[in-house]
Protein backbone atom coordinates (compact mmCIF):
# COMPACT_ATOMS: atom_id res chain seq x y z
CA MET A 1 -24.87 44.50 -32.98
CA THR A 2 -24.36 40.98 -31.52
CA THR A 3 -23.29 41.11 -27.89
CA ILE A 4 -22.03 38.55 -25.38
CA SER A 5 -21.38 38.61 -21.65
CA ALA A 6 -18.16 39.93 -20.15
CA ASP A 7 -17.11 36.44 -19.11
CA MET A 8 -17.70 35.03 -22.58
CA ALA A 9 -15.89 37.96 -24.18
CA GLU A 10 -12.83 37.18 -22.07
CA GLY A 11 -13.12 33.41 -22.57
CA ARG A 12 -14.26 32.68 -19.00
CA ASP A 13 -16.96 30.44 -17.60
CA PRO A 14 -19.87 32.84 -16.85
CA VAL A 15 -21.02 30.66 -13.95
CA ASN A 16 -17.79 29.68 -12.22
CA ARG A 17 -15.42 32.65 -12.18
CA GLY A 18 -12.75 31.29 -9.89
CA GLY A 19 -11.32 32.19 -6.53
CA SER A 20 -9.17 35.25 -7.23
CA ASP A 21 -12.15 37.05 -8.78
CA GLN A 22 -14.04 37.00 -5.48
CA ASP A 23 -13.28 40.22 -3.58
CA ALA A 24 -15.80 39.68 -0.82
CA GLY A 25 -17.02 42.81 0.90
CA THR A 26 -15.15 45.16 -1.40
CA GLY A 27 -16.39 44.41 -4.91
CA SER A 28 -19.25 46.89 -4.88
CA SER A 29 -17.27 49.99 -3.86
CA LYS A 30 -14.36 49.07 -6.11
CA ALA A 31 -16.81 48.55 -8.98
CA ASP A 32 -18.12 52.08 -8.42
CA VAL A 33 -14.59 53.45 -8.52
CA ALA A 34 -13.82 51.46 -11.67
CA TYR A 35 -17.05 52.65 -13.27
CA GLN A 36 -16.33 56.31 -12.59
CA ARG A 37 -12.73 56.12 -13.76
CA ILE A 38 -13.52 54.24 -16.96
CA LEU A 39 -16.44 56.55 -17.74
CA SER A 40 -14.23 59.58 -17.13
CA GLY A 41 -11.66 58.10 -19.47
CA ILE A 42 -14.30 57.64 -22.16
CA ASN A 43 -15.64 61.17 -21.73
CA ALA A 44 -12.13 62.61 -21.79
CA GLY A 45 -11.29 60.73 -24.97
CA ARG A 46 -8.64 58.45 -23.43
CA TYR A 47 -10.76 55.51 -24.55
CA ALA A 48 -11.89 56.56 -28.01
CA PRO A 49 -14.98 55.27 -29.84
CA GLY A 50 -14.26 51.78 -31.08
CA ALA A 51 -11.42 51.22 -28.60
CA ARG A 52 -11.29 47.79 -26.94
CA LEU A 53 -11.62 47.66 -23.17
CA VAL A 54 -9.57 44.65 -22.04
CA LEU A 55 -10.44 43.60 -18.50
CA ALA A 56 -6.96 42.50 -17.47
CA GLN A 57 -5.37 45.65 -18.84
CA LEU A 58 -7.92 47.93 -17.15
CA ALA A 59 -7.54 46.05 -13.88
CA ALA A 60 -3.79 46.62 -13.99
CA GLU A 61 -4.24 50.32 -14.79
CA LEU A 62 -6.76 50.75 -11.97
CA GLU A 63 -4.70 48.60 -9.56
CA MET A 64 -7.57 46.30 -8.66
CA SER A 65 -8.76 42.80 -9.48
CA VAL A 66 -10.71 41.92 -12.60
CA VAL A 67 -14.01 41.40 -10.72
CA PRO A 68 -14.93 45.07 -10.03
CA VAL A 69 -13.73 46.06 -13.49
CA ARG A 70 -16.00 43.44 -15.02
CA GLU A 71 -18.93 44.77 -12.97
CA ALA A 72 -18.16 48.32 -14.10
CA ILE A 73 -18.02 47.25 -17.75
CA ARG A 74 -21.37 45.48 -17.39
CA ARG A 75 -22.88 48.65 -15.96
CA LEU A 76 -21.49 50.68 -18.85
CA GLN A 77 -22.93 48.12 -21.25
CA SER A 78 -26.39 48.46 -19.63
CA GLU A 79 -26.13 52.23 -20.17
CA SER A 80 -25.17 51.76 -23.85
CA VAL A 81 -21.73 53.22 -23.28
CA VAL A 82 -19.98 49.94 -24.08
CA ALA A 83 -20.92 47.10 -26.42
CA TYR A 84 -19.73 43.49 -26.62
CA THR A 85 -19.04 42.17 -30.08
CA ARG A 86 -18.33 38.50 -30.74
CA ASN A 87 -14.64 37.81 -31.39
CA VAL A 88 -13.81 41.43 -30.48
CA GLY A 89 -14.89 41.92 -26.86
CA ALA A 90 -15.83 45.14 -25.08
CA THR A 91 -15.59 48.31 -27.15
CA VAL A 92 -16.52 51.94 -26.56
CA ILE A 93 -19.64 53.09 -28.40
CA GLY A 94 -19.17 56.43 -30.11
CA ILE A 95 -21.58 59.35 -30.20
CA ASP A 96 -24.16 58.93 -32.95
CA PRO A 97 -23.74 62.16 -34.97
CA GLU A 98 -27.37 62.16 -36.11
CA ILE A 99 -28.80 61.77 -32.60
CA TYR A 100 -26.31 64.31 -31.28
CA HIS A 101 -27.28 66.76 -34.02
CA ASP A 102 -31.00 66.46 -33.25
CA THR A 103 -30.45 66.77 -29.49
CA MET A 104 -28.19 69.83 -29.75
CA GLU A 105 -30.38 71.54 -32.33
CA THR A 106 -33.47 71.10 -30.13
CA LEU A 107 -31.60 72.18 -27.01
CA ALA A 108 -30.36 75.31 -28.82
CA LEU A 109 -33.96 76.32 -29.44
CA VAL A 110 -35.37 75.65 -25.97
CA GLU A 111 -32.31 76.77 -24.01
CA GLY A 112 -31.98 79.96 -26.07
CA TYR A 113 -35.60 80.84 -25.41
CA SER A 114 -35.30 79.80 -21.76
CA THR A 115 -32.20 81.95 -21.16
CA ALA A 116 -33.83 84.99 -22.77
CA LEU A 117 -37.00 84.44 -20.75
CA CYS A 118 -35.02 84.35 -17.50
CA ALA A 119 -32.64 87.19 -18.35
CA PRO A 120 -34.65 90.14 -16.94
CA LEU A 121 -35.00 88.33 -13.60
CA ILE A 122 -31.41 87.20 -13.18
CA THR A 123 -29.89 89.03 -10.24
CA ALA A 124 -26.52 90.78 -10.10
CA GLU A 125 -25.37 88.09 -7.66
CA GLU A 126 -26.30 85.36 -10.13
CA ILE A 127 -24.43 87.12 -12.92
CA GLU A 128 -21.35 87.34 -10.73
CA ARG A 129 -21.68 83.66 -9.85
CA ALA A 130 -21.85 82.80 -13.55
CA ARG A 131 -18.80 84.98 -14.24
CA ALA A 132 -16.87 83.17 -11.49
CA ILE A 133 -17.76 79.79 -13.01
CA ASN A 134 -16.68 81.03 -16.42
CA GLU A 135 -13.34 82.15 -15.00
CA ARG A 136 -12.84 78.65 -13.59
CA MET A 137 -13.53 77.33 -17.09
CA ARG A 138 -11.00 79.78 -18.52
CA GLY A 139 -8.47 78.50 -16.00
CA LEU A 140 -8.78 75.00 -17.46
CA LEU A 141 -7.81 76.06 -20.98
CA ALA A 142 -4.05 75.87 -20.53
CA ASP A 143 -4.08 72.32 -19.14
CA PHE A 144 -7.37 71.25 -20.67
CA ASN A 145 -9.67 68.90 -18.76
CA ALA A 146 -12.68 68.13 -20.96
CA VAL A 147 -14.71 66.38 -18.24
CA GLU A 148 -14.34 69.19 -15.69
CA PHE A 149 -14.87 71.83 -18.37
CA THR A 150 -18.12 70.14 -19.41
CA ARG A 151 -19.30 69.90 -15.79
CA LEU A 152 -18.64 73.61 -15.24
CA ASN A 153 -20.31 74.42 -18.54
CA LYS A 154 -23.55 72.87 -17.34
CA GLU A 155 -23.21 74.67 -14.00
CA PHE A 156 -22.72 77.97 -15.83
CA HIS A 157 -25.80 77.60 -18.00
CA SER A 158 -27.89 76.38 -15.07
CA VAL A 159 -27.38 79.74 -13.38
CA LEU A 160 -28.98 81.40 -16.39
CA PHE A 161 -32.00 79.15 -17.00
CA GLU A 162 -32.72 77.34 -13.74
CA HIS A 163 -35.03 79.92 -12.18
CA HIS A 164 -37.79 82.42 -12.88
CA GLN A 165 -39.55 80.68 -15.73
CA ASN A 166 -42.22 78.50 -17.27
CA SER A 167 -41.83 75.06 -15.67
CA HIS A 168 -42.69 73.27 -18.92
CA ILE A 169 -39.91 75.03 -20.81
CA LEU A 170 -37.50 74.27 -17.97
CA ASP A 171 -38.49 70.60 -18.21
CA LEU A 172 -37.65 70.60 -21.93
CA VAL A 173 -34.23 72.10 -21.18
CA HIS A 174 -33.59 69.46 -18.51
CA ARG A 175 -34.58 66.75 -20.95
CA GLY A 176 -32.11 68.08 -23.49
CA TRP A 177 -29.24 68.08 -20.98
CA ALA A 178 -30.23 64.60 -19.81
CA ARG A 179 -30.17 63.39 -23.40
CA LEU A 180 -26.67 64.77 -23.81
CA ALA A 181 -25.60 63.00 -20.61
CA ALA A 182 -27.04 59.75 -21.98
CA LEU A 183 -24.90 60.30 -25.09
CA ARG A 184 -21.90 60.80 -22.76
CA SER A 185 -21.40 64.04 -24.56
CA SER A 186 -18.21 65.62 -23.37
CA THR A 187 -18.09 67.27 -26.78
CA PHE A 188 -15.01 69.28 -25.83
CA ALA A 189 -12.98 66.05 -25.69
CA TYR A 190 -13.49 65.87 -29.45
CA VAL A 191 -13.18 69.61 -30.18
CA PRO A 192 -10.95 71.08 -27.44
CA HIS A 193 -10.21 74.08 -29.69
CA ARG A 194 -13.87 75.08 -29.25
CA ALA A 195 -13.43 75.62 -25.50
CA ASP A 196 -11.66 78.99 -25.76
CA ARG A 197 -14.34 80.43 -28.02
CA SER A 198 -17.07 79.00 -25.80
CA VAL A 199 -15.73 80.88 -22.78
CA ALA A 200 -15.63 84.12 -24.80
CA GLU A 201 -19.24 83.58 -25.87
CA HIS A 202 -20.19 83.13 -22.22
CA ASP A 203 -18.69 86.55 -21.50
CA HIS A 204 -20.72 88.08 -24.32
CA LEU A 205 -23.93 86.45 -23.13
CA LEU A 206 -23.41 87.70 -19.58
CA ASP A 207 -22.65 91.21 -20.86
CA LEU A 208 -25.95 91.21 -22.76
CA ILE A 209 -27.91 90.08 -19.72
CA ALA A 210 -26.17 92.56 -17.41
CA ALA A 211 -26.92 95.39 -19.85
CA GLY A 212 -30.61 94.49 -20.03
CA ALA A 213 -30.49 93.60 -23.72
CA GLU A 214 -33.71 92.82 -25.56
CA PHE A 215 -35.17 89.32 -25.54
CA ALA A 216 -34.25 88.69 -29.19
CA ALA A 217 -30.58 89.58 -28.66
CA VAL A 218 -30.18 87.29 -25.63
CA GLU A 219 -32.09 84.46 -27.31
CA GLN A 220 -29.97 84.68 -30.45
CA ALA A 221 -26.70 84.75 -28.51
CA ALA A 222 -27.65 81.74 -26.38
CA ARG A 223 -29.00 79.79 -29.37
CA HIS A 224 -25.97 80.50 -31.57
CA HIS A 225 -23.65 79.60 -28.69
CA ARG A 226 -25.16 76.11 -28.57
CA LEU A 227 -25.21 75.74 -32.35
CA ASN A 228 -21.57 76.81 -32.61
CA THR A 229 -20.58 73.85 -30.45
CA LEU A 230 -22.74 71.55 -32.55
CA ASN A 231 -21.18 72.82 -35.78
CA ALA A 232 -17.66 72.42 -34.38
CA TYR A 233 -18.40 68.79 -33.55
CA LEU A 234 -19.97 68.10 -36.94
CA ASP A 235 -16.92 69.62 -38.65
CA HIS A 236 -14.75 67.30 -36.56
CA VAL A 237 -16.83 64.27 -37.63
CA ALA A 238 -16.68 65.29 -41.28
CA ALA A 239 -12.91 65.77 -41.12
CA SER A 240 -12.47 62.40 -39.37
CA ASN A 241 -14.56 60.65 -42.00
CA GLY A 242 -12.56 62.36 -44.73
CA ASP A 243 -9.30 61.14 -43.18
CA ALA A 244 -10.71 57.61 -42.96
CA ASP A 245 -11.79 57.70 -46.61
CA SER A 246 -8.37 58.95 -47.69
CA SER A 247 -6.54 56.25 -45.75
CA SER A 248 -8.63 53.54 -47.39
CA VAL A 249 -7.79 54.64 -50.94
């Protein structure tokens, strides 16, 4: 994809930006705020894949000047969250379904094995901590917040695989989660209907661990839990593509 600088995308001189763009002493912190808020909007689905990110409009929404917003957009571009296309400007890059599929499928294998490996050593206190996190997730269902739900989801699973195990397997799990973060994968923003079932599957997984279930049962439950989310997202992509095909007929 051909890309251009933020200034060029907005029709500005990339060297001489002009006086009002200079927020001396405050640009950096405001840029961080703009970055976090725009990224949260992308993860929550407010800025959908392919949506244009117009600097002036974002600046007005965030109640700040264009300069920190431009810096935030550049940072998002460097992280492959945003792309600049000639004659279009800044747009949100969507999740690549193929990369997402491979990442989730691999994570299902290693995280399922990891969770089952840790299960006999997970303490009653850790199980209760995981249950408390899951209840917080359940509390988000009525007024759904995909970003917070995703954050708590990672916290929940970390309780189950973060300790008591082969360090190489743990590294593979961490790599899988990091890959999802690089994909900006708040999957629940795309499939919010999956959240309710996900919480119920958490309950089932914790019940198995608390009951001292066999390795195979815990591994299967953890693996299928991950794959169920993957399949829900792939169904969403297929349905979206079908709608697009129908609208073009």
